[in-house]
PDB file of N, CA and C in Angstrom:
ATOM      1  N   MET A   1      68.460 -88.956   8.512  1.00  0.00           N
ATOM      2  CA  MET A   1      67.150 -88.761   7.905  1.00  0.00           C
ATOM      3  C   MET A   1      66.126 -88.639   9.038  1.00  0.00           C
ATOM      4  N   ASN A   2      65.346 -87.586   9.000  1.00  0.00           N
ATOM      5  CA  ASN A   2      64.393 -87.381  10.080  1.00  0.00           C
ATOM      6  C   ASN A   2      63.066 -88.086   9.784  1.00  0.00           C
ATOM      7  N   HIS A   3      62.193 -88.038  10.765  1.00  0.00           N
ATOM      8  CA  HIS A   3      60.926 -88.772  10.701  1.00  0.00           C
ATOM      9  C   HIS A   3      60.009 -88.238   9.593  1.00  0.00           C
ATOM     10  N   ASN A   4      60.002 -86.931   9.364  1.00  0.00           N
ATOM     11  CA  ASN A   4      59.121 -86.352   8.338  1.00  0.00           C
ATOM     12  C   ASN A   4      59.534 -86.770   6.931  1.00  0.00           C
ATOM     13  N   SER A   5      60.830 -86.851   6.675  1.00  0.00           N
ATOM     14  CA  SER A   5      61.255 -87.263   5.332  1.00  0.00           C
ATOM     15  C   SER A   5      60.939 -88.737   5.084  1.00  0.00           C
ATOM     16  N   LYS A   6      60.953 -89.562   6.149  1.00  0.00           N
ATOM     17  CA  LYS A   6      60.568 -90.966   5.999  1.00  0.00           C
ATOM     18  C   LYS A   6      59.093 -91.089   5.660  1.00  0.00           C
ATOM     19  N   LYS A   7      58.275 -90.199   6.229  1.00  0.00           N
ATOM     20  CA  LYS A   7      56.842 -90.213   5.922  1.00  0.00           C
ATOM     21  C   LYS A   7      56.575 -89.867   4.464  1.00  0.00           C
ATOM     22  N   ILE A   8      57.438 -89.082   3.866  1.00  0.00           N
ATOM     23  CA  ILE A   8      57.280 -88.712   2.460  1.00  0.00           C
ATOM     24  C   ILE A   8      57.869 -89.793   1.549  1.00  0.00           C
ATOM     25  N   LEU A   9      58.999 -90.362   1.941  1.00  0.00           N
ATOM     26  CA  LEU A   9      59.669 -91.343   1.093  1.00  0.00           C
ATOM     27  C   LEU A   9      58.895 -92.660   0.994  1.00  0.00           C
ATOM     28  N   ALA A  10      58.283 -93.103   2.072  1.00  0.00           N
ATOM     29  CA  ALA A  10      57.577 -94.390   2.055  1.00  0.00           C
ATOM     30  C   ALA A  10      56.464 -94.425   1.007  1.00  0.00           C
ATOM     31  N   PRO A  11      55.538 -93.453   0.983  1.00  0.00           N
ATOM     32  CA  PRO A  11      54.522 -93.476  -0.072  1.00  0.00           C
ATOM     33  C   PRO A  11      55.111 -93.294  -1.474  1.00  0.00           C
ATOM     34  N   ALA A  12      56.177 -92.519  -1.578  1.00  0.00           N
ATOM     35  CA  ALA A  12      56.803 -92.318  -2.889  1.00  0.00           C
ATOM     36  C   ALA A  12      57.373 -93.630  -3.417  1.00  0.00           C
ATOM     37  N   PHE A  13      58.005 -94.410  -2.547  1.00  0.00           N
ATOM     38  CA  PHE A  13      58.529 -95.706  -2.961  1.00  0.00           C
ATOM     39  C   PHE A  13      57.411 -96.691  -3.287  1.00  0.00           C
ATOM     40  N   MET A  14      56.312 -96.616  -2.565  1.00  0.00           N
ATOM     41  CA  MET A  14      55.175 -97.484  -2.860  1.00  0.00           C
ATOM     42  C   MET A  14      54.590 -97.162  -4.232  1.00  0.00           C
ATOM     43  N   ILE A  15      54.475 -95.879  -4.539  1.00  0.00           N
ATOM     44  CA  ILE A  15      53.957 -95.463  -5.852  1.00  0.00           C
ATOM     45  C   ILE A  15      54.934 -95.873  -6.953  1.00  0.00           C
ATOM     46  N   LEU A  16      56.227 -95.693  -6.713  1.00  0.00           N
ATOM     47  CA  LEU A  16      57.235 -96.106  -7.684  1.00  0.00           C
ATOM     48  C   LEU A  16      57.188 -97.613  -7.921  1.00  0.00           C
ATOM     49  N   SER A  17      56.999 -98.381  -6.870  1.00  0.00           N
ATOM     50  CA  SER A  17      56.897 -99.833  -6.993  1.00  0.00           C
ATOM     51  C   SER A  17      55.675-100.237  -7.812  1.00  0.00           C
ATOM     52  N   ALA A  18      54.525 -99.643  -7.514  1.00  0.00           N
ATOM     53  CA  ALA A  18      53.309 -99.953  -8.265  1.00  0.00           C
ATOM     54  C   ALA A  18      53.460 -99.562  -9.731  1.00  0.00           C
ATOM     55  N   PHE A  19      54.070 -98.421  -9.980  1.00  0.00           N
ATOM     56  CA  PHE A  19      54.298 -97.982 -11.355  1.00  0.00           C
ATOM     57  C   PHE A  19      55.240 -98.937 -12.088  1.00  0.00           C
ATOM     58  N   SER A  20      56.284 -99.385 -11.399  1.00  0.00           N
ATOM     59  CA  SER A  20      57.240-100.313 -12.007  1.00  0.00           C
ATOM     60  C   SER A  20      56.580-101.639 -12.359  1.00  0.00           C
ATOM     61  N   PHE A  21      55.744-102.159 -11.452  1.00  0.00           N
ATOM     62  CA  PHE A  21      55.045-103.412 -11.750  1.00  0.00           C
ATOM     63  C   PHE A  21      54.060-103.230 -12.897  1.00  0.00           C
ATOM     64  N   ALA A  22      53.404-102.090 -12.961  1.00  0.00           N
ATOM     65  CA  ALA A  22      52.480-101.832 -14.073  1.00  0.00           C
ATOM     66  C   ALA A  22      53.235-101.763 -15.393  1.00  0.00           C
ATOM     67  N   CYS A  23      54.392-101.100 -15.392  1.00  0.00           N
ATOM     68  CA  CYS A  23      55.202-101.037 -16.618  1.00  0.00           C
ATOM     69  C   CYS A  23      55.690-102.424 -17.016  1.00  0.00           C
ATOM     70  N   MET A  24      56.119-103.214 -16.040  1.00  0.00           N
ATOM     71  CA  MET A  24      56.574-104.567 -16.342  1.00  0.00           C
ATOM     72  C   MET A  24      55.435-105.400 -16.930  1.00  0.00           C
ATOM     73  N   GLY A  25      54.244-105.276 -16.357  1.00  0.00           N
ATOM     74  CA  GLY A  25      53.089-105.991 -16.898  1.00  0.00           C
ATOM     75  C   GLY A  25      52.760-105.557 -18.314  1.00  0.00           C
ATOM     76  N   GLY A  26      52.865-104.268 -18.577  1.00  0.00           N
ATOM     77  CA  GLY A  26      52.607-103.765 -19.922  1.00  0.00           C
ATOM     78  C   GLY A  26      53.611-104.274 -20.936  1.00  0.00           C
ATOM     79  N   VAL A  27      54.879-104.317 -20.541  1.00  0.00           N
ATOM     80  CA  VAL A  27      55.912-104.824 -21.437  1.00  0.00           C
ATOM     81  C   VAL A  27      55.710-106.314 -21.701  1.00  0.00           C
ATOM     82  N   ILE A  28      55.349-107.054 -20.664  1.00  0.00           N
ATOM     83  CA  ILE A  28      55.087-108.489 -20.830  1.00  0.00           C
ATOM     84  C   ILE A  28      53.929-108.704 -21.790  1.00  0.00           C
ATOM     85  N   LYS A  29      52.874-107.932 -21.606  1.00  0.00           N
ATOM     86  CA  LYS A  29      51.692-108.071 -22.452  1.00  0.00           C
ATOM     87  C   LYS A  29      52.005-107.656 -23.892  1.00  0.00           C
ATOM     88  N   TYR A  30      52.822-106.630 -24.058  1.00  0.00           N
ATOM     89  CA  TYR A  30      53.139-106.112 -25.386  1.00  0.00           C
ATOM     90  C   TYR A  30      54.002-107.081 -26.195  1.00  0.00           C
ATOM     91  N   ALA A  31      54.888-107.799 -25.516  1.00  0.00           N
ATOM     92  CA  ALA A  31      55.800-108.727 -26.194  1.00  0.00           C
ATOM     93  C   ALA A  31      55.138-110.093 -26.341  1.00  0.00           C
ATOM     94  N   GLU A  32      54.093-110.142 -27.129  1.00  0.00           N
ATOM     95  CA  GLU A  32      53.319-111.374 -27.277  1.00  0.00           C
ATOM     96  C   GLU A  32      54.071-112.462 -28.028  1.00  0.00           C
ATOM     97  N   SER A  33      54.977-112.086 -28.920  1.00  0.00           N
ATOM     98  CA  SER A  33      55.654-113.082 -29.745  1.00  0.00           C
ATOM     99  C   SER A  33      56.740-113.849 -28.984  1.00  0.00           C
ATOM    100  N   VAL A  34      57.153-113.342 -27.831  1.00  0.00           N
ATOM    101  CA  VAL A  34      58.191-113.999 -27.039  1.00  0.00           C
ATOM    102  C   VAL A  34      57.520-114.941 -26.040  1.00  0.00           C
ATOM    103  N   PRO A  35      57.938-116.209 -25.970  1.00  0.00           N
ATOM    104  CA  PRO A  35      57.359-117.129 -24.984  1.00  0.00           C
ATOM    105  C   PRO A  35      57.575-116.625 -23.557  1.00  0.00           C
ATOM    106  N   TYR A  36      56.621-116.886 -22.695  1.00  0.00           N
ATOM    107  CA  TYR A  36      56.696-116.318 -21.347  1.00  0.00           C
ATOM    108  C   TYR A  36      57.871-116.869 -20.557  1.00  0.00           C
ATOM    109  N   ILE A  37      58.316-118.074 -20.839  1.00  0.00           N
ATOM    110  CA  ILE A  37      59.458-118.616 -20.114  1.00  0.00           C
ATOM    111  C   ILE A  37      60.730-117.831 -20.435  1.00  0.00           C
ATOM    112  N   GLU A  38      60.837-117.327 -21.661  1.00  0.00           N
ATOM    113  CA  GLU A  38      61.986-116.479 -22.011  1.00  0.00           C
ATOM    114  C   GLU A  38      61.882-115.127 -21.318  1.00  0.00           C
ATOM    115  N   LYS A  39      60.681-114.615 -21.180  1.00  0.00           N
ATOM    116  CA  LYS A  39      60.492-113.350 -20.454  1.00  0.00           C
ATOM    117  C   LYS A  39      60.906-113.517 -18.999  1.00  0.00           C
ATOM    118  N   VAL A  40      60.541-114.647 -18.406  1.00  0.00           N
ATOM    119  CA  VAL A  40      60.927-114.934 -17.022  1.00  0.00           C
ATOM    120  C   VAL A  40      62.447-115.018 -16.910  1.00  0.00           C
ATOM    121  N   PHE A  41      63.076-115.687 -17.867  1.00  0.00           N
ATOM    122  CA  PHE A  41      64.538-115.820 -17.844  1.00  0.00           C
ATOM    123  C   PHE A  41      65.211-114.453 -17.876  1.00  0.00           C
ATOM    124  N   PHE A  42      64.800-113.595 -18.793  1.00  0.00           N
ATOM    125  CA  PHE A  42      65.461-112.300 -18.916  1.00  0.00           C
ATOM    126  C   PHE A  42      65.139-111.383 -17.737  1.00  0.00           C
ATOM    127  N   ARG A  43      63.954-111.492 -17.188  1.00  0.00           N
ATOM    128  CA  ARG A  43      63.633-110.707 -15.991  1.00  0.00           C
ATOM    129  C   ARG A  43      64.522-111.150 -14.840  1.00  0.00           C
ATOM    130  N   ASN A  44      64.692-112.455 -14.667  1.00  0.00           N
ATOM    131  CA  ASN A  44      65.541-112.957 -13.593  1.00  0.00           C
ATOM    132  C   ASN A  44      67.014-112.664 -13.851  1.00  0.00           C
ATOM    133  N   LEU A  45      67.419-112.636 -15.104  1.00  0.00           N
ATOM    134  CA  LEU A  45      68.799-112.289 -15.426  1.00  0.00           C
ATOM    135  C   LEU A  45      69.097-110.837 -15.043  1.00  0.00           C
ATOM    136  N   ILE A  46      68.171-109.954 -15.344  1.00  0.00           N
ATOM    137  CA  ILE A  46      68.332-108.544 -14.965  1.00  0.00           C
ATOM    138  C   ILE A  46      68.394-108.407 -13.448  1.00  0.00           C
ATOM    139  N   MET A  47      67.495-109.121 -12.751  1.00  0.00           N
ATOM    140  CA  MET A  47      67.498-109.057 -11.285  1.00  0.00           C
ATOM    141  C   MET A  47      68.785-109.634 -10.712  1.00  0.00           C
ATOM    142  N   PHE A  48      69.325-110.669 -11.346  1.00  0.00           N
ATOM    143  CA  PHE A  48      70.595-111.242 -10.894  1.00  0.00           C
ATOM    144  C   PHE A  48      71.695-110.186 -10.905  1.00  0.00           C
ATOM    145  N   PHE A  49      71.778-109.427 -11.992  1.00  0.00           N
ATOM    146  CA  PHE A  49      72.820-108.405 -12.085  1.00  0.00           C
ATOM    147  C   PHE A  49      72.581-107.263 -11.095  1.00  0.00           C
ATOM    148  N   LEU A  50      71.337-106.875 -10.909  1.00  0.00           N
ATOM    149  CA  LEU A  50      71.049-105.801  -9.949  1.00  0.00           C
ATOM    150  C   LEU A  50      71.371-106.229  -8.522  1.00  0.00           C
ATOM    151  N   ILE A  51      70.971-107.434  -8.158  1.00  0.00           N
ATOM    152  CA  ILE A  51      71.236-107.909  -6.797  1.00  0.00           C
ATOM    153  C   ILE A  51      72.720-108.154  -6.593  1.00  0.00           C
ATOM    154  N   SER A  52      73.392-108.674  -7.620  1.00  0.00           N
ATOM    155  CA  SER A  52      74.843-108.873  -7.514  1.00  0.00           C
ATOM    156  C   SER A  52      75.555-107.543  -7.285  1.00  0.00           C
ATOM    157  N   ALA A  53      75.112-106.509  -7.971  1.00  0.00           N
ATOM    158  CA  ALA A  53      75.728-105.197  -7.792  1.00  0.00           C
ATOM    159  C   ALA A  53      75.524-104.680  -6.373  1.00  0.00           C
ATOM    160  N   MET A  54      74.425-105.042  -5.747  1.00  0.00           N
ATOM    161  CA  MET A  54      74.204-104.619  -4.363  1.00  0.00           C
ATOM    162  C   MET A  54      74.982-105.477  -3.377  1.00  0.00           C
ATOM    163  N   LEU A  55      75.220-106.744  -3.701  1.00  0.00           N
ATOM    164  CA  LEU A  55      75.922-107.639  -2.781  1.00  0.00           C
ATOM    165  C   LEU A  55      77.435-107.492  -2.835  1.00  0.00           C
ATOM    166  N   ILE A  56      77.983-107.108  -3.966  1.00  0.00           N
ATOM    167  CA  ILE A  56      79.442-107.057  -4.121  1.00  0.00           C
ATOM    168  C   ILE A  56      80.112-106.150  -3.087  1.00  0.00           C
ATOM    169  N   PRO A  57      79.612-104.928  -2.836  1.00  0.00           N
ATOM    170  CA  PRO A  57      80.276-104.108  -1.799  1.00  0.00           C
ATOM    171  C   PRO A  57      80.247-104.771  -0.423  1.00  0.00           C
ATOM    172  N   ASP A  58      79.168-105.467  -0.097  1.00  0.00           N
ATOM    173  CA  ASP A  58      79.073-106.139   1.197  1.00  0.00           C
ATOM    174  C   ASP A  58      80.044-107.309   1.272  1.00  0.00           C
ATOM    175  N   LEU A  59      80.185-108.043   0.184  1.00  0.00           N
ATOM    176  CA  LEU A  59      81.104-109.175   0.166  1.00  0.00           C
ATOM    177  C   LEU A  59      82.558-108.719   0.233  1.00  0.00           C
ATOM    178  N   ARG A  60      82.870-107.573  -0.356  1.00  0.00           N
ATOM    179  CA  ARG A  60      84.242-107.050  -0.313  1.00  0.00           C
ATOM    180  C   ARG A  60      84.637-106.658   1.107  1.00  0.00           C
ATOM    181  N   LYS A  61      83.649-106.266   1.905  1.00  0.00           N
ATOM    182  CA  LYS A  61      83.930-105.932   3.302  1.00  0.00           C
ATOM    183  C   LYS A  61      84.129-107.186   4.140  1.00  0.00           C
ATOM    184  N   GLY A  62      83.839-108.337   3.554  1.00  0.00           N
ATOM    185  CA  GLY A  62      84.015-109.592   4.281  1.00  0.00           C
ATOM    186  C   GLY A  62      82.802-109.993   5.082  1.00  0.00           C
ATOM    187  N   GLY A  63      81.667-109.387   4.831  1.00  0.00           N
ATOM    188  CA  GLY A  63      80.486-109.695   5.612  1.00  0.00           C
ATOM    189  C   GLY A  63      79.351-110.251   4.782  1.00  0.00           C
ATOM    190  N   PHE A  64      78.452-110.887   5.472  1.00  0.00           N
ATOM    191  CA  PHE A  64      77.230-111.405   4.851  1.00  0.00           C
ATOM    192  C   PHE A  64      76.037-110.878   5.639  1.00  0.00           C
ATOM    193  N   ARG A  65      76.048-109.601   5.950  1.00  0.00           N
ATOM    194  CA  ARG A  65      74.994-109.065   6.808  1.00  0.00           C
ATOM    195  C   ARG A  65      73.628-109.105   6.150  1.00  0.00           C
ATOM    196  N   ILE A  66      73.564-109.232   4.823  1.00  0.00           N
ATOM    197  CA  ILE A  66      72.280-109.310   4.145  1.00  0.00           C
ATOM    198  C   ILE A  66      71.647-110.674   4.360  1.00  0.00           C
ATOM    199  N   LEU A  67      72.470-111.704   4.476  1.00  0.00           N
ATOM    200  CA  LEU A  67      71.962-113.053   4.670  1.00  0.00           C
ATOM    201  C   LEU A  67      71.670-113.268   6.145  1.00  0.00           C
ATOM    202  N   ALA A  68      70.452-113.708   6.451  1.00  0.00           N
ATOM    203  CA  ALA A  68      70.044-113.876   7.838  1.00  0.00           C
ATOM    204  C   ALA A  68      69.946-115.356   8.175  1.00  0.00           C
ATOM    205  N   GLY A  69      69.809-115.626   9.432  1.00  0.00           N
ATOM    206  CA  GLY A  69      69.640-117.003   9.890  1.00  0.00           C
ATOM    207  C   GLY A  69      70.960-117.632  10.280  1.00  0.00           C
ATOM    208  N   LYS A  70      70.845-118.852  10.789  1.00  0.00           N
ATOM    209  CA  LYS A  70      72.032-119.599  11.183  1.00  0.00           C
ATOM    210  C   LYS A  70      72.808-120.004   9.934  1.00  0.00           C
ATOM    211  N   PRO A  71      74.131-120.004  10.013  1.00  0.00           N
ATOM    212  CA  PRO A  71      74.938-120.329   8.823  1.00  0.00           C
ATOM    213  C   PRO A  71      74.595-121.677   8.197  1.00  0.00           C
ATOM    214  N   GLN A  72      74.276-122.678   8.997  1.00  0.00           N
ATOM    215  CA  GLN A  72      73.986-123.998   8.431  1.00  0.00           C
ATOM    216  C   GLN A  72      72.628-124.042   7.738  1.00  0.00           C
ATOM    217  N   ASN A  73      71.753-123.089   8.001  1.00  0.00           N
ATOM    218  CA  ASN A  73      70.427-123.078   7.374  1.00  0.00           C
ATOM    219  C   ASN A  73      70.314-122.105   6.206  1.00  0.00           C
ATOM    220  N   ARG A  74      71.304-121.268   5.993  1.00  0.00           N
ATOM    221  CA  ARG A  74      71.196-120.209   4.989  1.00  0.00           C
ATOM    222  C   ARG A  74      70.970-120.748   3.590  1.00  0.00           C
ATOM    223  N   VAL A  75      71.729-121.730   3.197  1.00  0.00           N
ATOM    224  CA  VAL A  75      71.614-122.247   1.835  1.00  0.00           C
ATOM    225  C   VAL A  75      70.238-122.844   1.616  1.00  0.00           C
ATOM    226  N   LYS A  76      69.758-123.613   2.575  1.00  0.00           N
ATOM    227  CA  LYS A  76      68.431-124.231   2.445  1.00  0.00           C
ATOM    228  C   LYS A  76      67.338-123.167   2.368  1.00  0.00           C
ATOM    229  N   LEU A  77      67.401-122.200   3.261  1.00  0.00           N
ATOM    230  CA  LEU A  77      66.368-121.162   3.288  1.00  0.00           C
ATOM    231  C   LEU A  77      66.394-120.317   2.024  1.00  0.00           C
ATOM    232  N   LEU A  78      67.569-119.969   1.546  1.00  0.00           N
ATOM    233  CA  LEU A  78      67.673-119.177   0.320  1.00  0.00           C
ATOM    234  C   LEU A  78      67.224-119.976  -0.899  1.00  0.00           C
ATOM    235  N   ALA A  79      67.493-121.278  -0.904  1.00  0.00           N
ATOM    236  CA  ALA A  79      67.043-122.121  -2.014  1.00  0.00           C
ATOM    237  C   ALA A  79      65.517-122.214  -2.039  1.00  0.00           C
ATOM    238  N   VAL A  80      64.912-122.364  -0.879  1.00  0.00           N
ATOM    239  CA  VAL A  80      63.447-122.430  -0.808  1.00  0.00           C
ATOM    240  C   VAL A  80      62.844-121.090  -1.215  1.00  0.00           C
ATOM    241  N   ARG A  81      63.430-120.006  -0.734  1.00  0.00           N
ATOM    242  CA  ARG A  81      62.917-118.683  -1.110  1.00  0.00           C
ATOM    243  C   ARG A  81      63.053-118.453  -2.614  1.00  0.00           C
ATOM    244  N   SER A  82      64.165-118.850  -3.173  1.00  0.00           N
ATOM    245  CA  SER A  82      64.371-118.703  -4.614  1.00  0.00           C
ATOM    246  C   SER A  82      63.356-119.514  -5.405  1.00  0.00           C
ATOM    247  N   LEU A  83      63.079-120.720  -4.949  1.00  0.00           N
ATOM    248  CA  LEU A  83      62.102-121.567  -5.627  1.00  0.00           C
ATOM    249  C   LEU A  83      60.713-120.934  -5.603  1.00  0.00           C
ATOM    250  N   PHE A  84      60.301-120.435  -4.455  1.00  0.00           N
ATOM    251  CA  PHE A  84      58.991-119.781  -4.357  1.00  0.00           C
ATOM    252  C   PHE A  84      58.942-118.496  -5.184  1.00  0.00           C
ATOM    253  N   GLY A  85      60.032-117.723  -5.164  1.00  0.00           N
ATOM    254  CA  GLY A  85      60.072-116.500  -5.959  1.00  0.00           C
ATOM    255  C   GLY A  85      60.001-116.785  -7.445  1.00  0.00           C
ATOM    256  N   PHE A  86      60.746-117.789  -7.896  1.00  0.00           N
ATOM    257  CA  PHE A  86      60.730-118.168  -9.305  1.00  0.00           C
ATOM    258  C   PHE A  86      59.346-118.658  -9.720  1.00  0.00           C
ATOM    259  N   THR A  87      58.718-119.464  -8.874  1.00  0.00           N
ATOM    260  CA  THR A  87      57.368-119.956  -9.172  1.00  0.00           C
ATOM    261  C   THR A  87      56.377-118.802  -9.232  1.00  0.00           C
ATOM    262  N   GLY A  88      56.512-117.846  -8.327  1.00  0.00           N
ATOM    263  CA  GLY A  88      55.631-116.682  -8.346  1.00  0.00           C
ATOM    264  C   GLY A  88      55.767-115.866  -9.618  1.00  0.00           C
ATOM    265  N   VAL A  89      57.005-115.670 -10.061  1.00  0.00           N
ATOM    266  CA  VAL A  89      57.230-114.922 -11.302  1.00  0.00           C
ATOM    267  C   VAL A  89      56.663-115.690 -12.492  1.00  0.00           C
ATOM    268  N   LEU A  90      56.853-117.016 -12.509  1.00  0.00           N
ATOM    269  CA  LEU A  90      56.275-117.835 -13.579  1.00  0.00           C
ATOM    270  C   LEU A  90      54.765-117.657 -13.641  1.00  0.00           C
ATOM    271  N   PHE A  91      54.102-117.773 -12.501  1.00  0.00           N
ATOM    272  CA  PHE A  91      52.641-117.648 -12.464  1.00  0.00           C
ATOM    273  C   PHE A  91      52.184-116.244 -12.853  1.00  0.00           C
ATOM    274  N   TYR A  92      52.918-115.232 -12.394  1.00  0.00           N
ATOM    275  CA  TYR A  92      52.542-113.855 -12.723  1.00  0.00           C
ATOM    276  C   TYR A  92      52.659-113.602 -14.225  1.00  0.00           C
ATOM    277  N   PHE A  93      53.768-113.987 -14.814  1.00  0.00           N
ATOM    278  CA  PHE A  93      53.951-113.765 -16.245  1.00  0.00           C
ATOM    279  C   PHE A  93      52.938-114.568 -17.055  1.00  0.00           C
ATOM    280  N   TYR A  94      52.653-115.777 -16.620  1.00  0.00           N
ATOM    281  CA  TYR A  94      51.654-116.599 -17.304  1.00  0.00           C
ATOM    282  C   TYR A  94      50.284-115.932 -17.245  1.00  0.00           C
ATOM    283  N   SER A  95      49.942-115.393 -16.076  1.00  0.00           N
ATOM    284  CA  SER A  95      48.629-114.747 -15.932  1.00  0.00           C
ATOM    285  C   SER A  95      48.545-113.464 -16.766  1.00  0.00           C
ATOM    286  N   VAL A  96      49.645-112.740 -16.876  1.00  0.00           N
ATOM    287  CA  VAL A  96      49.639-111.520 -17.695  1.00  0.00           C
ATOM    288  C   VAL A  96      49.385-111.865 -19.158  1.00  0.00           C
ATOM    289  N   GLU A  97      49.976-112.968 -19.609  1.00  0.00           N
ATOM    290  CA  GLU A  97      49.777-113.369 -21.005  1.00  0.00           C
ATOM    291  C   GLU A  97      48.358-113.849 -21.272  1.00  0.00           C
ATOM    292  N   ARG A  98      47.734-114.507 -20.296  1.00  0.00           N
ATOM    293  CA  ARG A  98      46.451-115.158 -20.534  1.00  0.00           C
ATOM    294  C   ARG A  98      45.230-114.321 -20.135  1.00  0.00           C
ATOM    295  N   LEU A  99      45.400-113.402 -19.194  1.00  0.00           N
ATOM    296  CA  LEU A  99      44.272-112.613 -18.685  1.00  0.00           C
ATOM    297  C   LEU A  99      44.359-111.174 -19.184  1.00  0.00           C
ATOM    298  N   VAL A 100      43.300-110.441 -18.922  1.00  0.00           N
ATOM    299  CA  VAL A 100      43.331-108.997 -19.135  1.00  0.00           C
ATOM    300  C   VAL A 100      44.340-108.425 -18.136  1.00  0.00           C
ATOM    301  N   LEU A 101      45.127-107.448 -18.557  1.00  0.00           N
ATOM    302  CA  LEU A 101      46.206-106.925 -17.724  1.00  0.00           C
ATOM    303  C   LEU A 101      45.699-106.412 -16.375  1.00  0.00           C
ATOM    304  N   ALA A 102      44.551-105.776 -16.369  1.00  0.00           N
ATOM    305  CA  ALA A 102      44.002-105.260 -15.109  1.00  0.00           C
ATOM    306  C   ALA A 102      43.675-106.400 -14.146  1.00  0.00           C
ATOM    307  N   ASP A 103      43.112-107.487 -14.646  1.00  0.00           N
ATOM    308  CA  ASP A 103      42.793-108.632 -13.792  1.00  0.00           C
ATOM    309  C   ASP A 103      44.054-109.276 -13.232  1.00  0.00           C
ATOM    310  N   SER A 104      45.060-109.400 -14.078  1.00  0.00           N
ATOM    311  CA  SER A 104      46.314-109.993 -13.639  1.00  0.00           C
ATOM    312  C   SER A 104      46.994-109.124 -12.578  1.00  0.00           C
ATOM    313  N   SER A 105      46.980-107.826 -12.770  1.00  0.00           N
ATOM    314  CA  SER A 105      47.579-106.915 -11.785  1.00  0.00           C
ATOM    315  C   SER A 105      46.818-106.963 -10.468  1.00  0.00           C
ATOM    316  N   LEU A 106      45.504-107.075 -10.553  1.00  0.00           N
ATOM    317  CA  LEU A 106      44.695-107.185  -9.345  1.00  0.00           C
ATOM    318  C   LEU A 106      45.013-108.459  -8.586  1.00  0.00           C
ATOM    319  N   LEU A 107      45.143-109.569  -9.301  1.00  0.00           N
ATOM    320  CA  LEU A 107      45.495-110.829  -8.657  1.00  0.00           C
ATOM    321  C   LEU A 107      46.890-110.757  -8.048  1.00  0.00           C
ATOM    322  N   ASN A 108      47.802-110.077  -8.705  1.00  0.00           N
ATOM    323  CA  ASN A 108      49.159-109.955  -8.186  1.00  0.00           C
ATOM    324  C   ASN A 108      49.194-109.137  -6.899  1.00  0.00           C
ATOM    325  N   SER A 109      48.383-108.123  -6.791  1.00  0.00           N
ATOM    326  CA  SER A 109      48.391-107.289  -5.590  1.00  0.00           C
ATOM    327  C   SER A 109      47.420-107.772  -4.523  1.00  0.00           C
ATOM    328  N   PHE A 110      46.645-108.801  -4.816  1.00  0.00           N
ATOM    329  CA  PHE A 110      45.640-109.291  -3.868  1.00  0.00           C
ATOM    330  C   PHE A 110      46.266-109.854  -2.597  1.00  0.00           C
ATOM    331  N   HIS A 111      47.465-110.415  -2.710  1.00  0.00           N
ATOM    332  CA  HIS A 111      48.104-111.029  -1.533  1.00  0.00           C
ATOM    333  C   HIS A 111      48.388-110.016  -0.439  1.00  0.00           C
ATOM    334  N   GLN A 112      48.420-108.740  -0.769  1.00  0.00           N
ATOM    335  CA  GLN A 112      48.678-107.717   0.252  1.00  0.00           C
ATOM    336  C   GLN A 112      47.514-107.579   1.221  1.00  0.00           C
ATOM    337  N   TYR A 113      46.349-108.007   0.807  1.00  0.00           N
ATOM    338  CA  TYR A 113      45.165-107.817   1.625  1.00  0.00           C
ATOM    339  C   TYR A 113      44.778-109.060   2.404  1.00  0.00           C
ATOM    340  N   LEU A 114      45.539-110.121   2.278  1.00  0.00           N
ATOM    341  CA  LEU A 114      45.234-111.364   3.019  1.00  0.00           C
ATOM    342  C   LEU A 114      45.809-111.329   4.397  1.00  0.00           C
TER     343      LEU A 114
END
C-alpha cells in the first residue's frame, strides 16, 4: 500500500467511525423500552464475538502478538483496560438515554480535544 492510498483511507475510516458511533447512538436512543444495562451487555457481547474472530487466527499461529507488555503484567493491564472500557460504555449509554443525542455525542467526542 503506497503513501497516497493511506492518505485516502485514514479520513475514510475516521468518517466511517463517526458514522458508526452516530448510528449506535441513534439505536440506543430509539430503543427506549430496553434498560441501558441490557444495551451495554448486548453491545459488549457483539464486540466479544468480533474481537474473538480477529484473535482466533493469531492464536492458531501460536502467537500473542496483539497482546503487548511483559507476560506477567498482561492480565493485570488487560483487566484494568477492560474495566475502564466497560465503565466508559456504561457512562456513554447512560448519557445517550438521559441527554439530547447531539449533546451526548459531543461529550463522547470531547476527549479527542483534551
